[in-house]
Amino acid sequence: MQLDSPLQLVPEYRGYVWGGQRLRPGQVTAEAWVLYEGNRVAGGAFAGKTLAELAAQHSQALLGSSAARRTGTRFPLLVKLLDCAQWLSLQVHPNDAQAVELEGAGQNGKTEAWHILQAEEGAQIIAGMRAGVSAERLAEAVRFGSILDEAQFLPVSAGDTVFMPAGTIHALGPGLLVYEVQQVSDITYRVFDWNRPLTAGRALHIEKSLAVANPAAVGQVRRLQTGLERQGLAKCNYFRLELLDVQDELELTTSGESFHALTVIEGEAEIITPGGMCRLGQYATALVPAACQAYRVRPEGRVKALLATGAA
């Protein structure tokens, strides 16, 4: 069997305390994991297979030459949708070296980017510390619970993109619906949790947080430009994120370097590859394997879609 068709995946849902009801009306849902190594293919020749299994069996064809060089046979990215009805914990993630040092061999760090899909009036994020906060002051603020006094609060609107390098203390605020792309890692160190009761599942990680936090690291906000059919939103060593805004059929290619992960955020579109096609509605995601090479996005009216790849 060839990987020449788009793969639609079965989302997995997480019901954390801060979640809302926009992802699954009537059910409190914090996160939808729409693209990661544990997702199963929804239909077609590879139905029921996980992305981890496909990557192990068809590394080059699925991942592409660039992505496979970085992570071998492991699927390298995690894409989520997050519905934030309350503040998420202030948290920080390690870089690759710190992840191995603190959590063991085979662990990855976590650099991520957010694209704001919906934002209520007055919505904010925390994206690092205020300018001039020293490592000593940060440690004192974390240990004694005064971290909010040092945090950098930023207003955000729909269409904004925030690049969040590892080592940045950050949090998403209430009233946000967010697309997130990140390295394949679930290592999160909580710095502060808004005085919620501490439980085994929501503990603070004070010493590990301080071991990886960089007081000078801040999130970088990019405002959306208008009138562009294709624009870059975030780029790093681990992923590239772009926005497609099209009304006519668009031809794209993986060039064999990386898979393409497409998430429609407005409208509907067909994804047509040499071996098949699929239709995506709002917030649906499809994976185009690297082996597909050239493919087409055919919109129904105007369509906006986020395109994530594992090639920098």
Protein backbone atom coordinates (compact mmCIF):
# COMPACT_ATOMS: atom_id res chain seq x y z
CA MET A 1 0.00 0.00 0.00
CA GLN A 2 1.23 3.46 -0.89
CA LEU A 3 0.92 6.59 1.20
CA ASP A 4 -0.48 8.69 -1.62
CA SER A 5 -3.81 9.78 -0.11
CA PRO A 6 -4.68 12.36 2.57
CA LEU A 7 -5.13 10.83 6.00
CA GLN A 8 -7.97 11.97 8.24
CA LEU A 9 -7.46 11.18 11.90
CA VAL A 10 -9.69 10.47 14.88
CA PRO A 11 -9.23 13.30 17.42
CA GLU A 12 -8.55 12.59 21.08
CA TYR A 13 -10.05 14.82 23.75
CA ARG A 14 -8.79 16.01 27.14
CA GLY A 15 -11.12 17.37 29.82
CA TYR A 16 -9.01 19.58 32.06
CA VAL A 17 -10.45 21.92 34.70
CA TRP A 18 -10.02 25.06 32.56
CA GLY A 19 -11.88 23.78 29.48
CA GLY A 20 -15.04 25.11 27.83
CA GLN A 21 -17.74 23.70 25.56
CA ARG A 22 -16.83 25.02 22.10
CA LEU A 23 -14.98 21.91 20.94
CA ARG A 24 -17.80 19.54 21.91
CA PRO A 25 -21.01 21.44 22.74
CA GLY A 26 -22.57 20.12 25.93
CA GLN A 27 -19.31 18.57 27.15
CA VAL A 28 -16.53 20.37 28.99
CA THR A 29 -13.48 19.80 26.79
CA ALA A 30 -10.15 21.56 27.18
CA GLU A 31 -8.15 20.10 24.30
CA ALA A 32 -8.67 18.21 21.06
CA TRP A 33 -5.47 16.44 19.98
CA VAL A 34 -6.05 16.44 16.24
CA LEU A 35 -2.61 15.42 15.00
CA TYR A 36 -0.11 13.42 17.03
CA GLU A 37 1.54 10.04 17.11
CA GLY A 38 -1.35 8.38 18.99
CA ASN A 39 -4.13 9.44 16.59
CA ARG A 40 -5.67 6.66 14.51
CA VAL A 41 -6.45 6.95 10.81
CA ALA A 42 -10.22 7.29 10.37
CA GLY A 43 -10.65 5.42 7.08
CA GLY A 44 -9.11 4.12 3.89
CA ALA A 45 -6.35 1.59 3.41
CA PHE A 46 -4.67 2.46 6.72
CA ALA A 47 -7.83 2.70 8.86
CA GLY A 48 -7.15 1.99 12.53
CA LYS A 49 -3.39 2.47 12.27
CA THR A 50 -1.81 5.09 14.52
CA LEU A 51 0.55 7.71 13.15
CA ALA A 52 3.25 6.13 15.33
CA GLU A 53 2.75 2.79 13.57
CA LEU A 54 2.78 4.40 10.12
CA ALA A 55 5.91 6.40 10.95
CA ALA A 56 7.68 3.26 12.13
CA GLN A 57 6.74 1.34 8.98
CA HIS A 58 6.91 4.12 6.37
CA SER A 59 9.17 6.76 7.89
CA GLN A 60 10.44 8.44 4.72
CA ALA A 61 7.14 8.23 2.85
CA LEU A 62 5.09 9.63 5.71
CA LEU A 63 7.46 12.08 7.37
CA GLY A 64 9.70 13.16 4.50
CA SER A 65 13.46 13.49 4.29
CA SER A 66 13.82 16.60 6.47
CA ALA A 67 11.45 15.51 9.24
CA ALA A 68 12.85 11.95 9.29
CA ARG A 69 16.39 13.26 9.71
CA ARG A 70 15.34 15.05 12.88
CA THR A 71 13.20 12.43 14.65
CA GLY A 72 13.90 9.18 12.80
CA THR A 73 10.75 7.06 12.88
CA ARG A 74 8.91 9.17 15.46
CA PHE A 75 6.13 11.50 14.34
CA PRO A 76 7.60 14.90 15.26
CA LEU A 77 4.66 17.23 15.92
CA LEU A 78 1.55 17.58 18.05
CA VAL A 79 -1.32 19.80 16.92
CA LYS A 80 -4.08 20.71 19.38
CA LEU A 81 -7.18 22.86 19.58
CA LEU A 82 -7.64 24.43 23.02
CA ASP A 83 -10.84 25.93 24.46
CA CYS A 84 -9.87 28.16 27.37
CA ALA A 85 -12.79 29.04 29.65
CA GLN A 86 -10.43 29.79 32.55
CA TRP A 87 -6.75 30.63 32.94
CA LEU A 88 -4.41 27.74 32.23
CA SER A 89 -1.65 27.24 34.76
CA LEU A 90 1.50 29.31 34.41
CA GLN A 91 3.90 26.76 33.01
CA VAL A 92 7.21 26.30 31.31
CA HIS A 93 8.71 23.63 29.06
CA PRO A 94 12.30 22.40 28.75
CA ASN A 95 14.46 22.49 25.64
CA ASP A 96 15.75 19.24 24.15
CA ALA A 97 18.88 19.01 26.31
CA GLN A 98 16.98 19.86 29.50
CA ALA A 99 14.27 17.30 28.71
CA VAL A 100 16.86 14.52 28.48
CA GLU A 101 18.65 15.72 31.61
CA LEU A 102 15.49 15.96 33.73
CA GLU A 103 13.25 13.25 32.26
CA GLY A 104 15.59 10.74 30.62
CA ALA A 105 16.83 9.55 27.25
CA GLY A 106 14.46 9.82 24.31
CA GLN A 107 12.60 12.86 25.64
CA ASN A 108 12.04 15.98 23.55
CA GLY A 109 11.75 19.59 24.59
CA LYS A 110 8.70 21.63 23.79
CA THR A 111 8.80 24.72 21.62
CA GLU A 112 5.33 25.73 20.43
CA ALA A 113 3.28 28.30 18.55
CA TRP A 114 -0.30 29.44 19.08
CA HIS A 115 -2.69 30.85 16.49
CA ILE A 116 -5.68 32.61 18.06
CA LEU A 117 -8.89 31.38 16.42
CA GLN A 118 -11.39 33.22 18.64
CA ALA A 119 -10.84 35.81 21.35
CA GLU A 120 -13.40 37.47 23.57
CA GLU A 121 -13.01 41.18 24.23
CA GLY A 122 -10.20 41.77 26.70
CA ALA A 123 -8.63 38.31 26.31
CA GLN A 124 -5.02 38.07 27.47
CA ILE A 125 -2.09 35.71 27.62
CA ILE A 126 1.02 35.60 29.77
CA ALA A 127 4.09 35.43 27.54
CA GLY A 128 7.21 35.61 29.67
CA MET A 129 8.42 37.98 32.36
CA ARG A 130 8.57 41.76 32.41
CA ALA A 131 11.79 43.28 31.12
CA GLY A 132 14.61 43.31 33.65
CA VAL A 133 13.45 40.46 35.88
CA SER A 134 16.57 38.63 37.07
CA ALA A 135 16.97 34.91 37.64
CA GLU A 136 17.17 35.59 41.38
CA ARG A 137 13.95 37.63 41.38
CA LEU A 138 12.21 35.00 39.26
CA ALA A 139 13.21 32.25 41.71
CA GLU A 140 11.91 34.28 44.65
CA ALA A 141 8.62 35.03 42.86
CA VAL A 142 8.08 31.38 41.93
CA ARG A 143 8.86 30.04 45.40
CA PHE A 144 6.76 32.60 47.27
CA GLY A 145 3.78 32.79 44.91
CA SER A 146 4.26 36.34 43.64
CA ILE A 147 4.94 35.37 40.03
CA LEU A 148 1.96 37.37 38.68
CA ASP A 149 3.71 40.56 39.82
CA GLU A 150 6.55 39.82 37.40
CA ALA A 151 4.58 38.35 34.49
CA GLN A 152 4.10 40.03 31.13
CA PHE A 153 0.38 40.16 30.28
CA LEU A 154 -0.41 40.72 26.60
CA PRO A 155 -3.77 41.38 24.91
CA VAL A 156 -4.48 39.12 21.92
CA SER A 157 -7.07 39.05 19.15
CA ALA A 158 -8.30 36.51 16.62
CA GLY A 159 -5.67 36.10 13.91
CA ASP A 160 -2.67 36.71 16.17
CA THR A 161 0.13 34.13 16.26
CA VAL A 162 2.39 33.72 19.29
CA PHE A 163 5.70 31.87 19.03
CA MET A 164 6.68 30.44 22.41
CA PRO A 165 10.23 29.07 22.67
CA ALA A 166 11.12 26.51 25.33
CA GLY A 167 12.05 28.18 28.61
CA THR A 168 9.31 30.85 28.43
CA ILE A 169 6.88 30.98 31.36
CA HIS A 170 3.44 31.34 29.80
CA ALA A 171 -0.30 30.85 30.12
CA LEU A 172 -3.42 31.17 27.99
CA GLY A 173 -6.26 33.23 29.44
CA PRO A 174 -10.06 32.89 29.45
CA GLY A 175 -12.13 33.51 26.34
CA LEU A 176 -9.69 32.02 23.84
CA LEU A 177 -10.00 29.28 21.25
CA VAL A 178 -6.50 28.40 20.11
CA TYR A 179 -4.70 26.26 17.53
CA GLU A 180 -1.36 25.02 18.87
CA VAL A 181 1.51 23.31 17.06
CA GLN A 182 4.44 21.99 19.09
CA GLN A 183 7.21 19.47 19.28
CA VAL A 184 6.02 15.99 20.16
CA SER A 185 6.34 16.28 23.94
CA ASP A 186 3.97 16.40 26.88
CA ILE A 187 6.48 17.70 29.43
CA THR A 188 4.90 20.57 31.35
CA TYR A 189 6.24 22.10 34.55
CA ARG A 190 3.60 24.10 36.44
CA VAL A 191 4.83 27.27 38.06
CA PHE A 192 1.52 28.60 39.45
CA ASP A 193 -2.06 27.29 39.16
CA TRP A 194 -4.21 30.22 40.26
CA ASN A 195 -4.58 28.78 43.78
CA ARG A 196 -6.52 25.76 42.55
CA PRO A 197 -6.36 22.75 44.91
CA LEU A 198 -3.19 20.73 44.34
CA THR A 199 -3.82 17.13 43.28
CA ALA A 200 -1.69 14.31 41.97
CA GLY A 201 -2.71 15.32 38.45
CA ARG A 202 -2.18 19.06 38.96
CA ALA A 203 0.94 19.38 41.09
CA LEU A 204 3.39 22.27 40.95
CA HIS A 205 6.94 21.63 39.74
CA ILE A 206 8.87 24.43 41.40
CA GLU A 207 12.45 23.17 41.18
CA LYS A 208 12.12 21.76 37.66
CA SER A 209 10.46 24.99 36.54
CA LEU A 210 13.35 27.04 37.84
CA ALA A 211 15.85 24.65 36.24
CA VAL A 212 14.47 25.36 32.76
CA ALA A 213 12.89 28.85 32.95
CA ASN A 214 14.67 31.68 31.15
CA PRO A 215 13.61 35.03 32.67
CA ALA A 216 14.59 36.83 29.46
CA ALA A 217 12.46 34.60 27.20
CA VAL A 218 9.23 36.14 25.92
CA GLY A 219 6.55 35.10 23.48
CA GLN A 220 6.72 36.78 20.09
CA VAL A 221 3.35 38.01 18.79
CA ARG A 222 2.80 38.29 15.04
CA ARG A 223 -0.20 40.21 13.76
CA LEU A 224 -1.98 38.86 10.71
CA GLN A 225 -1.44 40.61 7.38
CA THR A 226 -4.40 41.01 5.06
CA GLY A 227 -4.65 40.32 1.34
CA LEU A 228 -2.10 37.48 1.22
CA GLU A 229 -2.98 34.08 -0.22
CA ARG A 230 -0.18 32.41 1.74
CA GLN A 231 1.80 33.85 4.65
CA GLY A 232 4.25 32.52 7.18
CA LEU A 233 3.22 32.70 10.83
CA ALA A 234 5.99 30.91 12.72
CA LYS A 235 9.22 29.12 11.87
CA CYS A 236 11.84 27.35 13.97
CA ASN A 237 14.06 24.27 13.86
CA TYR A 238 11.10 22.01 14.59
CA PHE A 239 8.16 23.23 12.50
CA ARG A 240 6.85 25.82 10.10
CA LEU A 241 3.33 27.26 10.32
CA GLU A 242 1.58 29.11 7.50
CA LEU A 243 -1.86 30.51 6.81
CA LEU A 244 -3.62 29.82 3.51
CA ASP A 245 -6.40 32.25 2.55
CA VAL A 246 -7.77 31.18 -0.83
CA GLN A 247 -10.83 31.37 -3.03
CA ASP A 248 -9.40 29.52 -6.04
CA GLU A 249 -7.75 26.12 -6.26
CA LEU A 250 -4.22 26.18 -4.89
CA GLU A 251 -1.42 23.80 -5.89
CA LEU A 252 1.07 22.81 -3.19
CA THR A 253 3.88 20.30 -2.89
CA THR A 254 5.60 18.54 -0.03
CA SER A 255 8.74 18.24 -2.23
CA GLY A 256 9.29 14.97 -0.36
CA GLU A 257 10.77 16.96 2.55
CA SER A 258 7.93 16.90 5.07
CA PHE A 259 4.32 15.90 5.55
CA HIS A 260 1.76 18.72 5.39
CA ALA A 261 -0.87 18.98 8.14
CA LEU A 262 -3.85 21.11 7.07
CA THR A 263 -6.48 22.39 9.48
CA VAL A 264 -9.38 24.36 8.02
CA ILE A 265 -10.30 27.27 10.27
CA GLU A 266 -12.92 28.94 8.04
CA GLY A 267 -15.01 27.43 5.26
CA GLU A 268 -14.73 24.03 3.58
CA ALA A 269 -12.22 22.55 1.17
CA GLU A 270 -11.23 19.39 -0.65
CA ILE A 271 -7.67 18.09 -0.37
CA ILE A 272 -6.77 16.23 -3.56
CA THR A 273 -3.63 14.08 -3.80
CA PRO A 274 -2.46 11.62 -6.50
CA GLY A 275 -4.11 8.74 -4.66
CA GLY A 276 -7.31 10.22 -3.31
CA MET A 277 -9.13 13.13 -1.73
CA CYS A 278 -10.95 14.20 1.41
CA ARG A 279 -13.26 17.04 2.40
CA LEU A 280 -12.54 19.21 5.43
CA GLY A 281 -14.98 21.43 7.28
CA GLN A 282 -14.18 23.97 9.96
CA TYR A 283 -11.56 22.77 12.48
CA ALA A 284 -11.07 19.44 10.69
CA THR A 285 -7.51 18.27 9.99
CA ALA A 286 -5.92 16.09 7.32
CA LEU A 287 -2.35 14.87 6.94
CA VAL A 288 -0.78 14.82 3.48
CA PRO A 289 2.11 12.31 3.53
CA ALA A 290 5.42 13.57 2.17
CA ALA A 291 5.35 10.92 -0.56
CA CYS A 292 2.30 12.58 -2.15
CA GLN A 293 4.51 15.36 -3.51
CA ALA A 294 2.16 17.67 -5.48
CA TYR A 295 -1.45 18.07 -4.30
CA ARG A 296 -4.30 20.58 -4.53
CA VAL A 297 -6.50 22.50 -2.10
CA ARG A 298 -9.88 23.15 -3.72
CA PRO A 299 -11.96 25.62 -1.68
CA GLU A 300 -15.72 25.93 -1.63
CA GLY A 301 -15.95 29.69 -1.60
CA ARG A 302 -13.34 31.37 0.57
CA VAL A 303 -11.27 29.10 2.83
CA LYS A 304 -8.69 29.76 5.51
CA ALA A 305 -6.46 26.89 6.59
CA LEU A 306 -3.41 26.49 8.77
CA LEU A 307 -0.56 24.48 7.27
CA ALA A 308 2.00 22.92 9.62
CA THR A 309 5.07 21.04 8.43
CA GLY A 310 7.95 19.31 10.16
CA ALA A 311 10.56 21.01 7.99
CA ALA A 312 12.03 24.33 9.09
